[in-house]
Amino acid sequence: ELKPNGGEPKNYADLFIKEVDRLGIR
């Protein structure tokens, strides 16, 4: 569960997808 807390940048989704790909869990 992704819980945006108000401090996220505009490219939050991109950053998370990048992390998911880095961890190999897409």
PDB file of all heavy atoms in Angstrom:
ATOM      1  N   GLU A   1       0.843  -1.194   0.000  1.00  0.00           N
ATOM      2  CA  GLU A   1       0.000   0.000   0.000  1.00  0.00           C
ATOM      3  C   GLU A   1       0.879   1.245   0.000  1.00  0.00           C
ATOM      4  O   GLU A   1       1.652   1.482   0.935  1.00  0.00           O
ATOM      5  CB  GLU A   1      -0.941   0.056   1.194  1.00  0.00           C
ATOM      6  CG  GLU A   1      -1.801   1.315   1.159  1.00  0.00           C
ATOM      7  CD  GLU A   1      -2.913   1.367   2.187  1.00  0.00           C
ATOM      8  OE1 GLU A   1      -3.053   0.400   2.959  1.00  0.00           O
ATOM      9  OE2 GLU A   1      -3.636   2.386   2.217  1.00  0.00           O
ATOM     10  N   LEU A   2       0.748   2.042  -1.035  1.00  0.00           N
ATOM     11  CA  LEU A   2       1.448   3.323  -1.108  1.00  0.00           C
ATOM     12  C   LEU A   2       0.641   4.369  -0.354  1.00  0.00           C
ATOM     13  O   LEU A   2      -0.550   4.546  -0.613  1.00  0.00           O
ATOM     14  CB  LEU A   2       1.623   3.742  -2.565  1.00  0.00           C
ATOM     15  CG  LEU A   2       2.637   2.932  -3.377  1.00  0.00           C
ATOM     16  CD1 LEU A   2       2.597   3.354  -4.832  1.00  0.00           C
ATOM     17  CD2 LEU A   2       4.028   3.105  -2.808  1.00  0.00           C
ATOM     18  N   LYS A   3       1.307   5.066   0.550  1.00  0.00           N
ATOM     19  CA  LYS A   3       0.631   6.047   1.386  1.00  0.00           C
ATOM     20  C   LYS A   3       1.256   7.433   1.172  1.00  0.00           C
ATOM     21  O   LYS A   3       2.169   7.828   1.915  1.00  0.00           O
ATOM     22  CB  LYS A   3       0.708   5.645   2.859  1.00  0.00           C
ATOM     23  CG  LYS A   3       0.009   4.311   3.165  1.00  0.00           C
ATOM     24  CD  LYS A   3      -0.006   4.003   4.643  1.00  0.00           C
ATOM     25  CE  LYS A   3      -0.898   4.932   5.429  1.00  0.00           C
ATOM     26  NZ  LYS A   3      -2.331   4.788   5.071  1.00  0.00           N
ATOM     27  N   PRO A   4       0.799   8.169   0.167  1.00  0.00           N
ATOM     28  CA  PRO A   4       1.303   9.526  -0.034  1.00  0.00           C
ATOM     29  C   PRO A   4       1.079  10.372   1.216  1.00  0.00           C
ATOM     30  O   PRO A   4      -0.021  10.391   1.769  1.00  0.00           O
ATOM     31  CB  PRO A   4       0.462  10.039  -1.217  1.00  0.00           C
ATOM     32  CG  PRO A   4       0.017   8.795  -1.927  1.00  0.00           C
ATOM     33  CD  PRO A   4      -0.197   7.779  -0.852  1.00  0.00           C
ATOM     34  N   ASN A   5       2.129  11.039   1.686  1.00  0.00           N
ATOM     35  CA  ASN A   5       2.041  11.798   2.934  1.00  0.00           C
ATOM     36  C   ASN A   5       2.124  13.312   2.752  1.00  0.00           C
ATOM     37  O   ASN A   5       2.215  14.055   3.724  1.00  0.00           O
ATOM     38  CB  ASN A   5       3.128  11.329   3.912  1.00  0.00           C
ATOM     39  CG  ASN A   5       4.527  11.400   3.300  1.00  0.00           C
ATOM     40  OD1 ASN A   5       4.810  12.236   2.443  1.00  0.00           O
ATOM     41  ND2 ASN A   5       5.404  10.503   3.740  1.00  0.00           N
ATOM     42  N   GLY A   6       2.102  13.753   1.496  1.00  0.00           N
ATOM     43  CA  GLY A   6       2.121  15.189   1.235  1.00  0.00           C
ATOM     44  C   GLY A   6       3.492  15.741   0.909  1.00  0.00           C
ATOM     45  O   GLY A   6       3.617  16.902   0.517  1.00  0.00           O
ATOM     46  N   GLY A   7       4.515  14.921   1.053  1.00  0.00           N
ATOM     47  CA  GLY A   7       5.864  15.397   0.776  1.00  0.00           C
ATOM     48  C   GLY A   7       6.425  14.898  -0.540  1.00  0.00           C
ATOM     49  O   GLY A   7       7.605  15.105  -0.833  1.00  0.00           O
ATOM     50  N   GLU A   8       5.592  14.256  -1.339  1.00  0.00           N
ATOM     51  CA  GLU A   8       6.080  13.626  -2.570  1.00  0.00           C
ATOM     52  C   GLU A   8       6.312  14.649  -3.685  1.00  0.00           C
ATOM     53  O   GLU A   8       5.548  15.610  -3.823  1.00  0.00           O
ATOM     54  CB  GLU A   8       5.071  12.585  -3.066  1.00  0.00           C
ATOM     55  CG  GLU A   8       4.875  11.415  -2.123  1.00  0.00           C
ATOM     56  CD  GLU A   8       3.958  11.742  -0.955  1.00  0.00           C
ATOM     57  OE1 GLU A   8       3.204  12.724  -1.042  1.00  0.00           O
ATOM     58  OE2 GLU A   8       4.000  11.006   0.046  1.00  0.00           O
ATOM     59  N   PRO A   9       7.330  14.416  -4.516  1.00  0.00           N
ATOM     60  CA  PRO A   9       7.544  15.262  -5.697  1.00  0.00           C
ATOM     61  C   PRO A   9       6.546  14.901  -6.790  1.00  0.00           C
ATOM     62  O   PRO A   9       5.836  13.894  -6.699  1.00  0.00           O
ATOM     63  CB  PRO A   9       8.969  14.914  -6.110  1.00  0.00           C
ATOM     64  CG  PRO A   9       9.127  13.486  -5.683  1.00  0.00           C
ATOM     65  CD  PRO A   9       8.361  13.371  -4.383  1.00  0.00           C
ATOM     66  N   LYS A  10       6.499  15.685  -7.828  1.00  0.00           N
ATOM     67  CA  LYS A  10       5.551  15.446  -8.909  1.00  0.00           C
ATOM     68  C   LYS A  10       5.826  14.128  -9.640  1.00  0.00           C
ATOM     69  O   LYS A  10       4.915  13.538 -10.216  1.00  0.00           O
ATOM     70  CB  LYS A  10       5.582  16.614  -9.897  1.00  0.00           C
ATOM     71  CG  LYS A  10       5.005  17.920  -9.337  1.00  0.00           C
ATOM     72  CD  LYS A  10       4.994  19.018 -10.375  1.00  0.00           C
ATOM     73  CE  LYS A  10       4.369  20.292  -9.811  1.00  0.00           C
ATOM     74  NZ  LYS A  10       4.361  21.400 -10.810  1.00  0.00           N
ATOM     75  N   ASN A  11       7.061  13.704  -9.624  1.00  0.00           N
ATOM     76  CA  ASN A  11       7.419  12.459 -10.314  1.00  0.00           C
ATOM     77  C   ASN A  11       7.420  11.260  -9.363  1.00  0.00           C
ATOM     78  O   ASN A  11       8.166  10.298  -9.552  1.00  0.00           O
ATOM     79  CB  ASN A  11       8.770  12.595 -11.002  1.00  0.00           C
ATOM     80  CG  ASN A  11       9.916  12.796 -10.023  1.00  0.00           C
ATOM     81  OD1 ASN A  11       9.712  13.268  -8.906  1.00  0.00           O
ATOM     82  ND2 ASN A  11      11.134  12.456 -10.438  1.00  0.00           N
ATOM     83  N   TYR A  12       6.584  11.324  -8.338  1.00  0.00           N
ATOM     84  CA  TYR A  12       6.504  10.252  -7.333  1.00  0.00           C
ATOM     85  C   TYR A  12       6.257   8.888  -7.971  1.00  0.00           C
ATOM     86  O   TYR A  12       6.928   7.910  -7.646  1.00  0.00           O
ATOM     87  CB  TYR A  12       5.387  10.595  -6.344  1.00  0.00           C
ATOM     88  CG  TYR A  12       5.100   9.543  -5.295  1.00  0.00           C
ATOM     89  CD1 TYR A  12       6.084   9.066  -4.454  1.00  0.00           C
ATOM     90  CD2 TYR A  12       3.806   9.035  -5.136  1.00  0.00           C
ATOM     91  CE1 TYR A  12       5.808   8.119  -3.476  1.00  0.00           C
ATOM     92  CE2 TYR A  12       3.515   8.092  -4.164  1.00  0.00           C
ATOM     93  CZ  TYR A  12       4.523   7.625  -3.340  1.00  0.00           C
ATOM     94  OH  TYR A  12       4.249   6.689  -2.382  1.00  0.00           O
ATOM     95  N   ALA A  13       5.305   8.824  -8.870  1.00  0.00           N
ATOM     96  CA  ALA A  13       4.990   7.545  -9.517  1.00  0.00           C
ATOM     97  C   ALA A  13       6.205   7.003 -10.259  1.00  0.00           C
ATOM     98  O   ALA A  13       6.508   5.801 -10.193  1.00  0.00           O
ATOM     99  CB  ALA A  13       3.810   7.711 -10.472  1.00  0.00           C
ATOM    100  N   ASP A  14       6.909   7.875 -10.962  1.00  0.00           N
ATOM    101  CA  ASP A  14       8.100   7.448 -11.700  1.00  0.00           C
ATOM    102  C   ASP A  14       9.175   6.922 -10.753  1.00  0.00           C
ATOM    103  O   ASP A  14       9.840   5.919 -11.053  1.00  0.00           O
ATOM    104  CB  ASP A  14       8.662   8.611 -12.520  1.00  0.00           C
ATOM    105  CG  ASP A  14       7.704   9.089 -13.588  1.00  0.00           C
ATOM    106  OD1 ASP A  14       7.202   8.238 -14.353  1.00  0.00           O
ATOM    107  OD2 ASP A  14       7.440  10.295 -13.654  1.00  0.00           O
ATOM    108  N   LEU A  15       9.359   7.610  -9.632  1.00  0.00           N
ATOM    109  CA  LEU A  15      10.368   7.187  -8.657  1.00  0.00           C
ATOM    110  C   LEU A  15      10.026   5.821  -8.068  1.00  0.00           C
ATOM    111  O   LEU A  15      10.919   4.993  -7.855  1.00  0.00           O
ATOM    112  CB  LEU A  15      10.505   8.232  -7.553  1.00  0.00           C
ATOM    113  CG  LEU A  15      11.115   9.570  -7.966  1.00  0.00           C
ATOM    114  CD1 LEU A  15      11.063  10.561  -6.804  1.00  0.00           C
ATOM    115  CD2 LEU A  15      12.563   9.384  -8.431  1.00  0.00           C
ATOM    116  N   PHE A  16       8.738   5.604  -7.806  1.00  0.00           N
ATOM    117  CA  PHE A  16       8.357   4.322  -7.238  1.00  0.00           C
ATOM    118  C   PHE A  16       8.518   3.204  -8.258  1.00  0.00           C
ATOM    119  O   PHE A  16       9.024   2.126  -7.933  1.00  0.00           O
ATOM    120  CB  PHE A  16       6.927   4.352  -6.715  1.00  0.00           C
ATOM    121  CG  PHE A  16       6.535   3.068  -6.041  1.00  0.00           C
ATOM    122  CD1 PHE A  16       7.087   2.715  -4.816  1.00  0.00           C
ATOM    123  CD2 PHE A  16       5.653   2.184  -6.641  1.00  0.00           C
ATOM    124  CE1 PHE A  16       6.761   1.512  -4.203  1.00  0.00           C
ATOM    125  CE2 PHE A  16       5.318   0.978  -6.037  1.00  0.00           C
ATOM    126  CZ  PHE A  16       5.873   0.648  -4.816  1.00  0.00           C
ATOM    127  N   ILE A  17       8.105   3.446  -9.487  1.00  0.00           N
ATOM    128  CA  ILE A  17       8.267   2.438 -10.535  1.00  0.00           C
ATOM    129  C   ILE A  17       9.749   2.109 -10.723  1.00  0.00           C
ATOM    130  O   ILE A  17      10.128   0.931 -10.878  1.00  0.00           O
ATOM    131  CB  ILE A  17       7.652   2.932 -11.859  1.00  0.00           C
ATOM    132  CG1 ILE A  17       6.134   3.054 -11.727  1.00  0.00           C
ATOM    133  CG2 ILE A  17       8.010   1.981 -13.009  1.00  0.00           C
ATOM    134  CD1 ILE A  17       5.465   3.754 -12.885  1.00  0.00           C
ATOM    135  N   LYS A  18      10.592   3.130 -10.669  1.00  0.00           N
ATOM    136  CA  LYS A  18      12.034   2.921 -10.797  1.00  0.00           C
ATOM    137  C   LYS A  18      12.548   2.030  -9.671  1.00  0.00           C
ATOM    138  O   LYS A  18      13.365   1.136  -9.896  1.00  0.00           O
ATOM    139  CB  LYS A  18      12.758   4.268 -10.782  1.00  0.00           C
ATOM    140  CG  LYS A  18      14.262   4.165 -10.959  1.00  0.00           C
ATOM    141  CD  LYS A  18      14.916   5.553 -10.972  1.00  0.00           C
ATOM    142  CE  LYS A  18      16.429   5.435 -11.130  1.00  0.00           C
ATOM    143  NZ  LYS A  18      17.076   6.784 -11.137  1.00  0.00           N
ATOM    144  N   GLU A  19      12.061   2.265  -8.440  1.00  0.00           N
ATOM    145  CA  GLU A  19      12.474   1.445  -7.305  1.00  0.00           C
ATOM    146  C   GLU A  19      11.980   0.014  -7.451  1.00  0.00           C
ATOM    147  O   GLU A  19      12.703  -0.950  -7.155  1.00  0.00           O
ATOM    148  CB  GLU A  19      11.963   2.065  -6.000  1.00  0.00           C
ATOM    149  CG  GLU A  19      12.344   1.319  -4.739  1.00  0.00           C
ATOM    150  CD  GLU A  19      13.816   1.388  -4.396  1.00  0.00           C
ATOM    151  OE1 GLU A  19      14.613   1.953  -5.191  1.00  0.00           O
ATOM    152  OE2 GLU A  19      14.200   0.868  -3.336  1.00  0.00           O
ATOM    153  N   VAL A  20      10.755  -0.128  -7.895  1.00  0.00           N
ATOM    154  CA  VAL A  20      10.184  -1.459  -8.130  1.00  0.00           C
ATOM    155  C   VAL A  20      11.027  -2.225  -9.155  1.00  0.00           C
ATOM    156  O   VAL A  20      11.321  -3.413  -8.971  1.00  0.00           O
ATOM    157  CB  VAL A  20       8.722  -1.329  -8.607  1.00  0.00           C
ATOM    158  CG1 VAL A  20       8.238  -2.601  -9.285  1.00  0.00           C
ATOM    159  CG2 VAL A  20       7.815  -0.982  -7.431  1.00  0.00           C
ATOM    160  N   ASP A  21      11.430  -1.549 -10.209  1.00  0.00           N
ATOM    161  CA  ASP A  21      12.245  -2.201 -11.230  1.00  0.00           C
ATOM    162  C   ASP A  21      13.641  -2.527 -10.700  1.00  0.00           C
ATOM    163  O   ASP A  21      14.218  -3.576 -11.036  1.00  0.00           O
ATOM    164  CB  ASP A  21      12.339  -1.314 -12.466  1.00  0.00           C
ATOM    165  CG  ASP A  21      11.039  -1.291 -13.273  1.00  0.00           C
ATOM    166  OD1 ASP A  21      10.211  -2.202 -13.075  1.00  0.00           O
ATOM    167  OD2 ASP A  21      10.865  -0.371 -14.089  1.00  0.00           O
ATOM    168  N   ARG A  22      14.187  -1.655  -9.883  1.00  0.00           N
ATOM    169  CA  ARG A  22      15.505  -1.913  -9.301  1.00  0.00           C
ATOM    170  C   ARG A  22      15.480  -3.168  -8.431  1.00  0.00           C
ATOM    171  O   ARG A  22      16.432  -3.952  -8.407  1.00  0.00           O
ATOM    172  CB  ARG A  22      15.964  -0.709  -8.476  1.00  0.00           C
ATOM    173  CG  ARG A  22      17.389  -0.826  -7.933  1.00  0.00           C
ATOM    174  CD  ARG A  22      17.790   0.421  -7.174  1.00  0.00           C
ATOM    175  NE  ARG A  22      17.166   0.473  -5.868  1.00  0.00           N
ATOM    176  CZ  ARG A  22      17.635  -0.145  -4.780  1.00  0.00           C
ATOM    177  NH1 ARG A  22      18.741  -0.887  -4.855  1.00  0.00           N
ATOM    178  NH2 ARG A  22      17.019  -0.032  -3.625  1.00  0.00           N
ATOM    179  N   LEU A  23      14.343  -3.346  -7.730  1.00  0.00           N
ATOM    180  CA  LEU A  23      14.198  -4.504  -6.853  1.00  0.00           C
ATOM    181  C   LEU A  23      13.679  -5.740  -7.591  1.00  0.00           C
ATOM    182  O   LEU A  23      13.602  -6.823  -7.014  1.00  0.00           O
ATOM    183  CB  LEU A  23      13.255  -4.151  -5.696  1.00  0.00           C
ATOM    184  CG  LEU A  23      13.735  -3.028  -4.772  1.00  0.00           C
ATOM    185  CD1 LEU A  23      12.647  -2.678  -3.753  1.00  0.00           C
ATOM    186  CD2 LEU A  23      15.022  -3.417  -4.060  1.00  0.00           C
ATOM    187  N   GLY A  24      13.292  -5.549  -8.860  1.00  0.00           N
ATOM    188  CA  GLY A  24      12.843  -6.679  -9.673  1.00  0.00           C
ATOM    189  C   GLY A  24      11.502  -7.239  -9.265  1.00  0.00           C
ATOM    190  O   GLY A  24      11.289  -8.458  -9.292  1.00  0.00           O
ATOM    191  N   ILE A  25      10.557  -6.352  -8.918  1.00  0.00           N
ATOM    192  CA  ILE A  25       9.265  -6.831  -8.409  1.00  0.00           C
ATOM    193  C   ILE A  25       8.080  -6.221  -9.157  1.00  0.00           C
ATOM    194  O   ILE A  25       6.995  -6.083  -8.612  1.00  0.00           O
ATOM    195  CB  ILE A  25       9.129  -6.545  -6.892  1.00  0.00           C
ATOM    196  CG1 ILE A  25       9.383  -5.050  -6.598  1.00  0.00           C
ATOM    197  CG2 ILE A  25      10.086  -7.421  -6.095  1.00  0.00           C
ATOM    198  CD1 ILE A  25       9.099  -4.657  -5.169  1.00  0.00           C
ATOM    199  N   ARG A  26       8.264  -5.875 -10.387  1.00  0.00           N
ATOM    200  CA  ARG A  26       7.172  -5.243 -11.142  1.00  0.00           C
ATOM    201  C   ARG A  26       5.970  -6.169 -11.275  1.00  0.00           C
ATOM    202  O   ARG A  26       4.825  -5.743 -11.138  1.00  0.00           O
ATOM    203  CB  ARG A  26       7.664  -4.829 -12.531  1.00  0.00           C
ATOM    204  CG  ARG A  26       6.596  -4.101 -13.345  1.00  0.00           C
ATOM    205  CD  ARG A  26       7.091  -3.672 -14.724  1.00  0.00           C
ATOM    206  NE  ARG A  26       7.857  -2.437 -14.670  1.00  0.00           N
ATOM    207  CZ  ARG A  26       7.792  -1.483 -15.601  1.00  0.00           C
ATOM    208  NH1 ARG A  26       6.984  -1.623 -16.636  1.00  0.00           N
ATOM    209  NH2 ARG A  26       8.519  -0.404 -15.503  1.00  0.00           N
TER     210      ARG A  26
END
